[in-house]
Amino acid sequence: MGITQDKLWLNKWREVNYFVDQNKRRPSKHRKEDHAMLNWIKYNRRKYQRGLMKEDRRQKFEELEKKLESVTRINQYAYVNKQQQPQD
Protein backbone atom coordinates (compact mmCIF):
# COMPACT_ATOMS: atom_id res chain seq x y z
CA MET A 1 0.00 0.00 0.00
CA GLY A 2 1.37 3.38 -1.02
CA ILE A 3 1.37 6.75 0.63
CA THR A 4 -1.85 8.74 0.32
CA GLN A 5 -2.24 12.21 -1.16
CA ASP A 6 -3.06 13.58 2.30
CA LYS A 7 0.18 12.22 3.71
CA LEU A 8 2.17 13.58 0.76
CA TRP A 9 0.59 17.01 1.22
CA LEU A 10 1.27 16.97 4.96
CA ASN A 11 4.91 15.93 4.39
CA LYS A 12 5.42 18.83 1.96
CA TRP A 13 3.72 21.22 4.40
CA ARG A 14 6.08 20.06 7.16
CA GLU A 15 9.08 20.45 4.85
CA VAL A 16 8.17 24.06 4.00
CA ASN A 17 7.36 24.84 7.63
CA TYR A 18 10.71 23.42 8.77
CA PHE A 19 12.55 25.35 6.04
CA VAL A 20 11.02 28.65 7.16
CA ASP A 21 11.80 27.92 10.82
CA GLN A 22 15.42 27.01 10.10
CA ASN A 23 16.28 29.69 7.54
CA LYS A 24 14.05 32.57 8.71
CA ARG A 25 13.14 33.29 5.10
CA ARG A 26 10.76 32.21 2.36
CA PRO A 27 11.82 29.85 -0.44
CA SER A 28 13.50 31.95 -3.11
CA LYS A 29 12.85 31.97 -6.83
CA HIS A 30 16.57 32.69 -7.30
CA ARG A 31 17.79 29.49 -5.64
CA LYS A 32 17.35 26.32 -7.62
CA GLU A 33 17.08 24.14 -4.52
CA ASP A 34 14.05 26.16 -3.32
CA HIS A 35 12.01 25.87 -6.53
CA ALA A 36 10.04 22.75 -5.57
CA MET A 37 8.86 24.37 -2.32
CA LEU A 38 8.07 27.67 -4.02
CA ASN A 39 6.02 25.95 -6.73
CA TRP A 40 4.15 23.94 -4.08
CA ILE A 41 3.29 27.17 -2.22
CA LYS A 42 2.13 28.90 -5.40
CA TYR A 43 0.00 25.91 -6.47
CA ASN A 44 -1.67 25.65 -3.09
CA ARG A 45 -2.22 29.41 -2.89
CA ARG A 46 -4.19 29.24 -6.15
CA LYS A 47 -6.27 26.30 -4.86
CA TYR A 48 -6.88 28.20 -1.60
CA GLN A 49 -8.00 31.38 -3.38
CA ARG A 50 -10.38 29.44 -5.63
CA GLY A 51 -11.91 27.62 -2.66
CA LEU A 52 -10.88 24.17 -3.92
CA MET A 53 -8.81 23.20 -0.89
CA LYS A 54 -10.02 20.71 1.73
CA GLU A 55 -10.91 22.26 5.09
CA ASP A 56 -8.14 20.57 7.10
CA ARG A 57 -5.55 21.64 4.52
CA ARG A 58 -7.06 25.14 4.42
CA GLN A 59 -6.39 25.66 8.14
CA LYS A 60 -2.81 24.39 7.91
CA PHE A 61 -2.15 26.49 4.81
CA GLU A 62 -3.47 29.61 6.58
CA GLU A 63 -0.98 28.95 9.40
CA LEU A 64 1.81 28.62 6.84
CA GLU A 65 0.79 31.83 5.06
CA LYS A 66 0.93 33.73 8.37
CA LYS A 67 4.39 32.33 9.05
CA LEU A 68 5.55 33.26 5.53
CA GLU A 69 4.19 36.77 5.99
CA SER A 70 6.10 37.15 9.26
CA VAL A 71 9.45 36.50 7.54
CA THR A 72 8.84 38.83 4.60
CA ARG A 73 11.73 41.18 4.09
CA ILE A 74 11.16 44.92 4.26
CA ASN A 75 12.99 47.67 2.45
CA GLN A 76 14.94 48.84 5.46
CA TYR A 77 15.48 52.40 4.26
CA ALA A 78 11.75 52.94 3.67
CA TYR A 79 10.90 51.28 6.99
CA VAL A 80 13.38 53.34 9.05
CA ASN A 81 12.71 56.64 7.30
CA LYS A 82 8.95 56.30 7.03
CA GLN A 83 8.26 59.59 8.86
CA GLN A 84 10.68 61.70 6.84
CA GLN A 85 9.62 63.41 3.64
CA PRO A 86 12.10 63.69 0.76
CA GLN A 87 14.06 66.93 0.57
CA ASP A 88 13.40 69.02 -2.55
PDB file of N, CA and C in Angstrom:
ATOM      1  N   MET A   1       0.849  -1.185   0.000  1.00  0.00           N
ATOM      2  CA  MET A   1       0.000   0.000   0.000  1.00  0.00           C
ATOM      3  C   MET A   1       0.888   1.239   0.000  1.00  0.00           C
ATOM      4  N   GLY A   2       0.573   2.176  -0.868  1.00  0.00           N
ATOM      5  CA  GLY A   2       1.375   3.377  -1.019  1.00  0.00           C
ATOM      6  C   GLY A   2       0.968   4.486  -0.055  1.00  0.00           C
ATOM      7  N   ILE A   3       1.644   5.584  -0.199  1.00  0.00           N
ATOM      8  CA  ILE A   3       1.373   6.754   0.630  1.00  0.00           C
ATOM      9  C   ILE A   3       0.215   7.540   0.005  1.00  0.00           C
ATOM     10  N   THR A   4      -0.669   8.040   0.831  1.00  0.00           N
ATOM     11  CA  THR A   4      -1.855   8.735   0.319  1.00  0.00           C
ATOM     12  C   THR A   4      -1.527  10.183  -0.028  1.00  0.00           C
ATOM     13  N   GLN A   5      -2.416  10.805  -0.794  1.00  0.00           N
ATOM     14  CA  GLN A   5      -2.242  12.210  -1.162  1.00  0.00           C
ATOM     15  C   GLN A   5      -2.220  13.109   0.074  1.00  0.00           C
ATOM     16  N   ASP A   6      -3.045  12.773   1.073  1.00  0.00           N
ATOM     17  CA  ASP A   6      -3.064  13.584   2.296  1.00  0.00           C
ATOM     18  C   ASP A   6      -1.724  13.528   3.019  1.00  0.00           C
ATOM     19  N   LYS A   7      -1.117  12.350   3.056  1.00  0.00           N
ATOM     20  CA  LYS A   7       0.184  12.216   3.714  1.00  0.00           C
ATOM     21  C   LYS A   7       1.267  12.943   2.923  1.00  0.00           C
ATOM     22  N   LEU A   8       1.206  12.852   1.602  1.00  0.00           N
ATOM     23  CA  LEU A   8       2.170  13.576   0.762  1.00  0.00           C
ATOM     24  C   LEU A   8       2.056  15.080   0.982  1.00  0.00           C
ATOM     25  N   TRP A   9       0.814  15.583   1.021  1.00  0.00           N
ATOM     26  CA  TRP A   9       0.591  17.010   1.219  1.00  0.00           C
ATOM     27  C   TRP A   9       1.118  17.440   2.584  1.00  0.00           C
ATOM     28  N   LEU A  10       0.837  16.641   3.607  1.00  0.00           N
ATOM     29  CA  LEU A  10       1.275  16.967   4.956  1.00  0.00           C
ATOM     30  C   LEU A  10       2.801  16.935   5.062  1.00  0.00           C
ATOM     31  N   ASN A  11       3.439  15.992   4.387  1.00  0.00           N
ATOM     32  CA  ASN A  11       4.905  15.935   4.386  1.00  0.00           C
ATOM     33  C   ASN A  11       5.503  17.187   3.744  1.00  0.00           C
ATOM     34  N   LYS A  12       4.916  17.623   2.634  1.00  0.00           N
ATOM     35  CA  LYS A  12       5.417  18.828   1.961  1.00  0.00           C
ATOM     36  C   LYS A  12       5.183  20.057   2.831  1.00  0.00           C
ATOM     37  N   TRP A  13       4.031  20.110   3.496  1.00  0.00           N
ATOM     38  CA  TRP A  13       3.722  21.219   4.400  1.00  0.00           C
ATOM     39  C   TRP A  13       4.753  21.280   5.529  1.00  0.00           C
ATOM     40  N   ARG A  14       5.077  20.118   6.093  1.00  0.00           N
ATOM     41  CA  ARG A  14       6.080  20.061   7.161  1.00  0.00           C
ATOM     42  C   ARG A  14       7.449  20.492   6.654  1.00  0.00           C
ATOM     43  N   GLU A  15       7.787  20.082   5.435  1.00  0.00           N
ATOM     44  CA  GLU A  15       9.078  20.454   4.848  1.00  0.00           C
ATOM     45  C   GLU A  15       9.195  21.976   4.699  1.00  0.00           C
ATOM     46  N   VAL A  16       8.152  22.603   4.180  1.00  0.00           N
ATOM     47  CA  VAL A  16       8.175  24.059   4.000  1.00  0.00           C
ATOM     48  C   VAL A  16       8.194  24.754   5.360  1.00  0.00           C
ATOM     49  N   ASN A  17       7.409  24.272   6.291  1.00  0.00           N
ATOM     50  CA  ASN A  17       7.359  24.840   7.632  1.00  0.00           C
ATOM     51  C   ASN A  17       8.739  24.767   8.296  1.00  0.00           C
ATOM     52  N   TYR A  18       9.381  23.616   8.203  1.00  0.00           N
ATOM     53  CA  TYR A  18      10.715  23.419   8.774  1.00  0.00           C
ATOM     54  C   TYR A  18      11.722  24.347   8.101  1.00  0.00           C
ATOM     55  N   PHE A  19      11.643  24.475   6.791  1.00  0.00           N
ATOM     56  CA  PHE A  19      12.548  25.349   6.045  1.00  0.00           C
ATOM     57  C   PHE A  19      12.444  26.790   6.534  1.00  0.00           C
ATOM     58  N   VAL A  20      11.229  27.273   6.715  1.00  0.00           N
ATOM     59  CA  VAL A  20      11.019  28.653   7.165  1.00  0.00           C
ATOM     60  C   VAL A  20      11.545  28.826   8.586  1.00  0.00           C
ATOM     61  N   ASP A  21      11.300  27.851   9.448  1.00  0.00           N
ATOM     62  CA  ASP A  21      11.798  27.921  10.824  1.00  0.00           C
ATOM     63  C   ASP A  21      13.323  27.948  10.870  1.00  0.00           C
ATOM     64  N   GLN A  22      13.962  27.123  10.075  1.00  0.00           N
ATOM     65  CA  GLN A  22      15.417  27.012  10.103  1.00  0.00           C
ATOM     66  C   GLN A  22      16.123  28.193   9.443  1.00  0.00           C
ATOM     67  N   ASN A  23      15.585  28.673   8.327  1.00  0.00           N
ATOM     68  CA  ASN A  23      16.277  29.688   7.539  1.00  0.00           C
ATOM     69  C   ASN A  23      15.765  31.108   7.753  1.00  0.00           C
ATOM     70  N   LYS A  24      14.642  31.251   8.439  1.00  0.00           N
ATOM     71  CA  LYS A  24      14.049  32.572   8.715  1.00  0.00           C
ATOM     72  C   LYS A  24      13.821  33.363   7.432  1.00  0.00           C
ATOM     73  N   ARG A  25      13.448  32.639   6.377  1.00  0.00           N
ATOM     74  CA  ARG A  25      13.140  33.285   5.099  1.00  0.00           C
ATOM     75  C   ARG A  25      12.204  32.383   4.308  1.00  0.00           C
ATOM     76  N   ARG A  26      11.614  32.967   3.263  1.00  0.00           N
ATOM     77  CA  ARG A  26      10.756  32.206   2.359  1.00  0.00           C
ATOM     78  C   ARG A  26      11.621  31.486   1.331  1.00  0.00           C
ATOM     79  N   PRO A  27      11.088  30.449   0.693  1.00  0.00           N
ATOM     80  CA  PRO A  27      11.815  29.854  -0.436  1.00  0.00           C
ATOM     81  C   PRO A  27      11.990  30.892  -1.546  1.00  0.00           C
ATOM     82  N   SER A  28      13.158  30.928  -2.129  1.00  0.00           N
ATOM     83  CA  SER A  28      13.500  31.954  -3.107  1.00  0.00           C
ATOM     84  C   SER A  28      13.363  31.446  -4.537  1.00  0.00           C
ATOM     85  N   LYS A  29      12.905  32.334  -5.421  1.00  0.00           N
ATOM     86  CA  LYS A  29      12.850  31.968  -6.834  1.00  0.00           C
ATOM     87  C   LYS A  29      14.244  32.006  -7.473  1.00  0.00           C
ATOM     88  N   HIS A  30      15.210  32.570  -6.766  1.00  0.00           N
ATOM     89  CA  HIS A  30      16.566  32.690  -7.296  1.00  0.00           C
ATOM     90  C   HIS A  30      17.464  31.511  -6.921  1.00  0.00           C
ATOM     91  N   ARG A  31      17.000  30.648  -6.046  1.00  0.00           N
ATOM     92  CA  ARG A  31      17.790  29.494  -5.636  1.00  0.00           C
ATOM     93  C   ARG A  31      17.139  28.225  -6.165  1.00  0.00           C
ATOM     94  N   LYS A  32      17.894  27.504  -6.952  1.00  0.00           N
ATOM     95  CA  LYS A  32      17.351  26.319  -7.624  1.00  0.00           C
ATOM     96  C   LYS A  32      16.828  25.287  -6.629  1.00  0.00           C
ATOM     97  N   GLU A  33      17.499  25.150  -5.492  1.00  0.00           N
ATOM     98  CA  GLU A  33      17.083  24.140  -4.518  1.00  0.00           C
ATOM     99  C   GLU A  33      15.761  24.483  -3.835  1.00  0.00           C
ATOM    100  N   ASP A  34      15.306  25.733  -3.930  1.00  0.00           N
ATOM    101  CA  ASP A  34      14.046  26.159  -3.317  1.00  0.00           C
ATOM    102  C   ASP A  34      12.851  26.055  -4.262  1.00  0.00           C
ATOM    103  N   HIS A  35      13.075  25.793  -5.538  1.00  0.00           N
ATOM    104  CA  HIS A  35      12.006  25.874  -6.532  1.00  0.00           C
ATOM    105  C   HIS A  35      10.842  24.928  -6.265  1.00  0.00           C
ATOM    106  N   ALA A  36      11.118  23.713  -5.811  1.00  0.00           N
ATOM    107  CA  ALA A  36      10.035  22.753  -5.570  1.00  0.00           C
ATOM    108  C   ALA A  36       9.106  23.275  -4.472  1.00  0.00           C
ATOM    109  N   MET A  37       9.682  23.826  -3.409  1.00  0.00           N
ATOM    110  CA  MET A  37       8.858  24.374  -2.324  1.00  0.00           C
ATOM    111  C   MET A  37       8.076  25.597  -2.789  1.00  0.00           C
ATOM    112  N   LEU A  38       8.727  26.459  -3.541  1.00  0.00           N
ATOM    113  CA  LEU A  38       8.070  27.671  -4.024  1.00  0.00           C
ATOM    114  C   LEU A  38       6.899  27.325  -4.939  1.00  0.00           C
ATOM    115  N   ASN A  39       7.094  26.366  -5.830  1.00  0.00           N
ATOM    116  CA  ASN A  39       6.021  25.951  -6.730  1.00  0.00           C
ATOM    117  C   ASN A  39       4.872  25.310  -5.959  1.00  0.00           C
ATOM    118  N   TRP A  40       5.186  24.546  -4.913  1.00  0.00           N
ATOM    119  CA  TRP A  40       4.151  23.939  -4.076  1.00  0.00           C
ATOM    120  C   TRP A  40       3.321  25.028  -3.388  1.00  0.00           C
ATOM    121  N   ILE A  41       3.989  26.048  -2.883  1.00  0.00           N
ATOM    122  CA  ILE A  41       3.290  27.165  -2.216  1.00  0.00           C
ATOM    123  C   ILE A  41       2.390  27.882  -3.219  1.00  0.00           C
ATOM    124  N   LYS A  42       2.913  28.183  -4.397  1.00  0.00           N
ATOM    125  CA  LYS A  42       2.132  28.900  -5.402  1.00  0.00           C
ATOM    126  C   LYS A  42       0.913  28.085  -5.849  1.00  0.00           C
ATOM    127  N   TYR A  43       1.097  26.788  -6.064  1.00  0.00           N
ATOM    128  CA  TYR A  43       0.001  25.912  -6.475  1.00  0.00           C
ATOM    129  C   TYR A  43      -1.091  25.887  -5.414  1.00  0.00           C
ATOM    130  N   ASN A  44      -0.695  25.721  -4.169  1.00  0.00           N
ATOM    131  CA  ASN A  44      -1.671  25.650  -3.086  1.00  0.00           C
ATOM    132  C   ASN A  44      -2.315  27.000  -2.810  1.00  0.00           C
ATOM    133  N   ARG A  45      -1.618  28.088  -3.046  1.00  0.00           N
ATOM    134  CA  ARG A  45      -2.220  29.411  -2.886  1.00  0.00           C
ATOM    135  C   ARG A  45      -3.353  29.603  -3.898  1.00  0.00           C
ATOM    136  N   ARG A  46      -3.140  29.137  -5.125  1.00  0.00           N
ATOM    137  CA  ARG A  46      -4.189  29.235  -6.150  1.00  0.00           C
ATOM    138  C   ARG A  46      -5.402  28.386  -5.767  1.00  0.00           C
ATOM    139  N   LYS A  47      -5.168  27.161  -5.285  1.00  0.00           N
ATOM    140  CA  LYS A  47      -6.274  26.305  -4.857  1.00  0.00           C
ATOM    141  C   LYS A  47      -7.025  26.943  -3.685  1.00  0.00           C
ATOM    142  N   TYR A  48      -6.288  27.549  -2.770  1.00  0.00           N
ATOM    143  CA  TYR A  48      -6.881  28.202  -1.600  1.00  0.00           C
ATOM    144  C   TYR A  48      -7.769  29.373  -2.035  1.00  0.00           C
ATOM    145  N   GLN A  49      -7.257  30.198  -2.935  1.00  0.00           N
ATOM    146  CA  GLN A  49      -8.002  31.375  -3.384  1.00  0.00           C
ATOM    147  C   GLN A  49      -9.253  31.000  -4.165  1.00  0.00           C
ATOM    148  N   ARG A  50      -9.210  29.882  -4.858  1.00  0.00           N
ATOM    149  CA  ARG A  50     -10.383  29.437  -5.631  1.00  0.00           C
ATOM    150  C   ARG A  50     -11.373  28.649  -4.799  1.00  0.00           C
ATOM    151  N   GLY A  51     -11.013  28.358  -3.541  1.00  0.00           N
ATOM    152  CA  GLY A  51     -11.911  27.619  -2.656  1.00  0.00           C
ATOM    153  C   GLY A  51     -11.956  26.129  -2.947  1.00  0.00           C
ATOM    154  N   LEU A  52     -10.913  25.584  -3.550  1.00  0.00           N
ATOM    155  CA  LEU A  52     -10.885  24.173  -3.919  1.00  0.00           C
ATOM    156  C   LEU A  52     -10.125  23.307  -2.917  1.00  0.00           C
ATOM    157  N   MET A  53      -9.639  23.917  -1.853  1.00  0.00           N
ATOM    158  CA  MET A  53      -8.812  23.199  -0.888  1.00  0.00           C
ATOM    159  C   MET A  53      -9.681  22.579   0.205  1.00  0.00           C
ATOM    160  N   LYS A  54      -9.309  21.373   0.642  1.00  0.00           N
ATOM    161  CA  LYS A  54     -10.024  20.715   1.734  1.00  0.00           C
ATOM    162  C   LYS A  54      -9.892  21.545   3.007  1.00  0.00           C
ATOM    163  N   GLU A  55     -10.867  21.415   3.891  1.00  0.00           N
ATOM    164  CA  GLU A  55     -10.913  22.259   5.094  1.00  0.00           C
ATOM    165  C   GLU A  55      -9.702  22.052   6.007  1.00  0.00           C
ATOM    166  N   ASP A  56      -9.287  20.808   6.220  1.00  0.00           N
ATOM    167  CA  ASP A  56      -8.136  20.572   7.102  1.00  0.00           C
ATOM    168  C   ASP A  56      -6.856  21.155   6.499  1.00  0.00           C
ATOM    169  N   ARG A  57      -6.712  21.045   5.190  1.00  0.00           N
ATOM    170  CA  ARG A  57      -5.554  21.644   4.516  1.00  0.00           C
ATOM    171  C   ARG A  57      -5.644  23.166   4.550  1.00  0.00           C
ATOM    172  N   ARG A  58      -6.851  23.687   4.416  1.00  0.00           N
ATOM    173  CA  ARG A  58      -7.058  25.138   4.425  1.00  0.00           C
ATOM    174  C   ARG A  58      -6.526  25.751   5.716  1.00  0.00           C
ATOM    175  N   GLN A  59      -6.836  25.131   6.850  1.00  0.00           N
ATOM    176  CA  GLN A  59      -6.386  25.658   8.138  1.00  0.00           C
ATOM    177  C   GLN A  59      -4.867  25.615   8.257  1.00  0.00           C
ATOM    178  N   LYS A  60      -4.266  24.511   7.847  1.00  0.00           N
ATOM    179  CA  LYS A  60      -2.807  24.390   7.911  1.00  0.00           C
ATOM    180  C   LYS A  60      -2.139  25.377   6.950  1.00  0.00           C
ATOM    181  N   PHE A  61      -2.739  25.563   5.773  1.00  0.00           N
ATOM    182  CA  PHE A  61      -2.149  26.492   4.815  1.00  0.00           C
ATOM    183  C   PHE A  61      -2.255  27.937   5.309  1.00  0.00           C
ATOM    184  N   GLU A  62      -3.349  28.275   5.994  1.00  0.00           N
ATOM    185  CA  GLU A  62      -3.474  29.610   6.582  1.00  0.00           C
ATOM    186  C   GLU A  62      -2.372  29.855   7.609  1.00  0.00           C
ATOM    187  N   GLU A  63      -2.081  28.847   8.428  1.00  0.00           N
ATOM    188  CA  GLU A  63      -0.978  28.955   9.396  1.00  0.00           C
ATOM    189  C   GLU A  63       0.336  29.227   8.670  1.00  0.00           C
ATOM    190  N   LEU A  64       0.574  28.469   7.603  1.00  0.00           N
ATOM    191  CA  LEU A  64       1.809  28.615   6.841  1.00  0.00           C
ATOM    192  C   LEU A  64       1.892  29.999   6.210  1.00  0.00           C
ATOM    193  N   GLU A  65       0.801  30.495   5.664  1.00  0.00           N
ATOM    194  CA  GLU A  65       0.793  31.830   5.058  1.00  0.00           C
ATOM    195  C   GLU A  65       1.131  32.906   6.090  1.00  0.00           C
ATOM    196  N   LYS A  66       0.605  32.771   7.306  1.00  0.00           N
ATOM    197  CA  LYS A  66       0.930  33.730   8.372  1.00  0.00           C
ATOM    198  C   LYS A  66       2.412  33.681   8.703  1.00  0.00           C
ATOM    199  N   LYS A  67       2.965  32.471   8.753  1.00  0.00           N
ATOM    200  CA  LYS A  67       4.393  32.331   9.046  1.00  0.00           C
ATOM    201  C   LYS A  67       5.229  32.934   7.922  1.00  0.00           C
ATOM    202  N   LEU A  68       4.821  32.694   6.671  1.00  0.00           N
ATOM    203  CA  LEU A  68       5.546  33.263   5.530  1.00  0.00           C
ATOM    204  C   LEU A  68       5.473  34.778   5.544  1.00  0.00           C
ATOM    205  N   GLU A  69       4.342  35.315   5.930  1.00  0.00           N
ATOM    206  CA  GLU A  69       4.189  36.773   5.994  1.00  0.00           C
ATOM    207  C   GLU A  69       5.083  37.373   7.074  1.00  0.00           C
ATOM    208  N   SER A  70       5.291  36.629   8.154  1.00  0.00           N
ATOM    209  CA  SER A  70       6.101  37.151   9.262  1.00  0.00           C
ATOM    210  C   SER A  70       7.586  37.232   8.911  1.00  0.00           C
ATOM    211  N   VAL A  71       8.036  36.466   7.919  1.00  0.00           N
ATOM    212  CA  VAL A  71       9.452  36.501   7.545  1.00  0.00           C
ATOM    213  C   VAL A  71       9.686  37.288   6.257  1.00  0.00           C
ATOM    214  N   THR A  72       8.683  38.027   5.812  1.00  0.00           N
ATOM    215  CA  THR A  72       8.838  38.827   4.604  1.00  0.00           C
ATOM    216  C   THR A  72       9.830  39.944   4.852  1.00  0.00           C
ATOM    217  N   ARG A  73      10.716  40.133   3.935  1.00  0.00           N
ATOM    218  CA  ARG A  73      11.726  41.184   4.087  1.00  0.00           C
ATOM    219  C   ARG A  73      11.124  42.543   3.758  1.00  0.00           C
ATOM    220  N   ILE A  74      11.649  43.553   4.425  1.00  0.00           N
ATOM    221  CA  ILE A  74      11.156  44.919   4.261  1.00  0.00           C
ATOM    222  C   ILE A  74      12.302  45.772   3.748  1.00  0.00           C
ATOM    223  N   ASN A  75      11.989  46.695   2.875  1.00  0.00           N
ATOM    224  CA  ASN A  75      12.986  47.666   2.450  1.00  0.00           C
ATOM    225  C   ASN A  75      13.362  48.475   3.683  1.00  0.00           C
ATOM    226  N   GLN A  76      14.558  48.261   4.180  1.00  0.00           N
ATOM    227  CA  GLN A  76      14.945  48.837   5.464  1.00  0.00           C
ATOM    228  C   GLN A  76      14.972  50.359   5.426  1.00  0.00           C
ATOM    229  N   TYR A  77      15.414  50.942   4.329  1.00  0.00           N
ATOM    230  CA  TYR A  77      15.478  52.396   4.259  1.00  0.00           C
ATOM    231  C   TYR A  77      14.080  52.997   4.363  1.00  0.00           C
ATOM    232  N   ALA A  78      13.123  52.436   3.635  1.00  0.00           N
ATOM    233  CA  ALA A  78      11.753  52.943   3.671  1.00  0.00           C
ATOM    234  C   ALA A  78      11.139  52.728   5.047  1.00  0.00           C
ATOM    235  N   TYR A  79      11.466  51.604   5.676  1.00  0.00           N
ATOM    236  CA  TYR A  79      10.900  51.283   6.987  1.00  0.00           C
ATOM    237  C   TYR A  79      11.441  52.237   8.055  1.00  0.00           C
ATOM    238  N   VAL A  80      12.748  52.483   8.047  1.00  0.00           N
ATOM    239  CA  VAL A  80      13.381  53.337   9.053  1.00  0.00           C
ATOM    240  C   VAL A  80      13.009  54.798   8.845  1.00  0.00           C
ATOM    241  N   ASN A  81      12.932  55.237   7.607  1.00  0.00           N
ATOM    242  CA  ASN A  81      12.709  56.644   7.303  1.00  0.00           C
ATOM    243  C   ASN A  81      11.272  56.912   6.881  1.00  0.00           C
ATOM    244  N   LYS A  82      10.351  56.179   7.416  1.00  0.00           N
ATOM    245  CA  LYS A  82       8.946  56.301   7.034  1.00  0.00           C
ATOM    246  C   LYS A  82       8.385  57.694   7.334  1.00  0.00           C
ATOM    247  N   GLN A  83       8.803  58.302   8.433  1.00  0.00           N
ATOM    248  CA  GLN A  83       8.263  59.591   8.859  1.00  0.00           C
ATOM    249  C   GLN A  83       8.838  60.767   8.066  1.00  0.00           C
ATOM    250  N   GLN A  84      10.017  60.590   7.520  1.00  0.00           N
ATOM    251  CA  GLN A  84      10.677  61.698   6.842  1.00  0.00           C
ATOM    252  C   GLN A  84      10.167  61.867   5.418  1.00  0.00           C
ATOM    253  N   GLN A  85      10.003  63.092   5.014  1.00  0.00           N
ATOM    254  CA  GLN A  85       9.619  63.409   3.641  1.00  0.00           C
ATOM    255  C   GLN A  85      10.882  63.705   2.836  1.00  0.00           C
ATOM    256  N   PRO A  86      10.907  63.405   1.555  1.00  0.00           N
ATOM    257  CA  PRO A  86      12.101  63.688   0.758  1.00  0.00           C
ATOM    258  C   PRO A  86      12.367  65.182   0.666  1.00  0.00           C
ATOM    259  N   GLN A  87      13.639  65.528   0.667  1.00  0.00           N
ATOM    260  CA  GLN A  87      14.056  66.929   0.566  1.00  0.00           C
ATOM    261  C   GLN A  87      14.027  67.361  -0.900  1.00  0.00           C
ATOM    262  N   ASP A  88      13.433  68.514  -1.176  1.00  0.00           N
ATOM    263  CA  ASP A  88      13.401  69.018  -2.551  1.00  0.00           C
ATOM    264  C   ASP A  88      14.516  69.988  -2.790  1.00  0.00           C
TER     265      ASP A  88
END
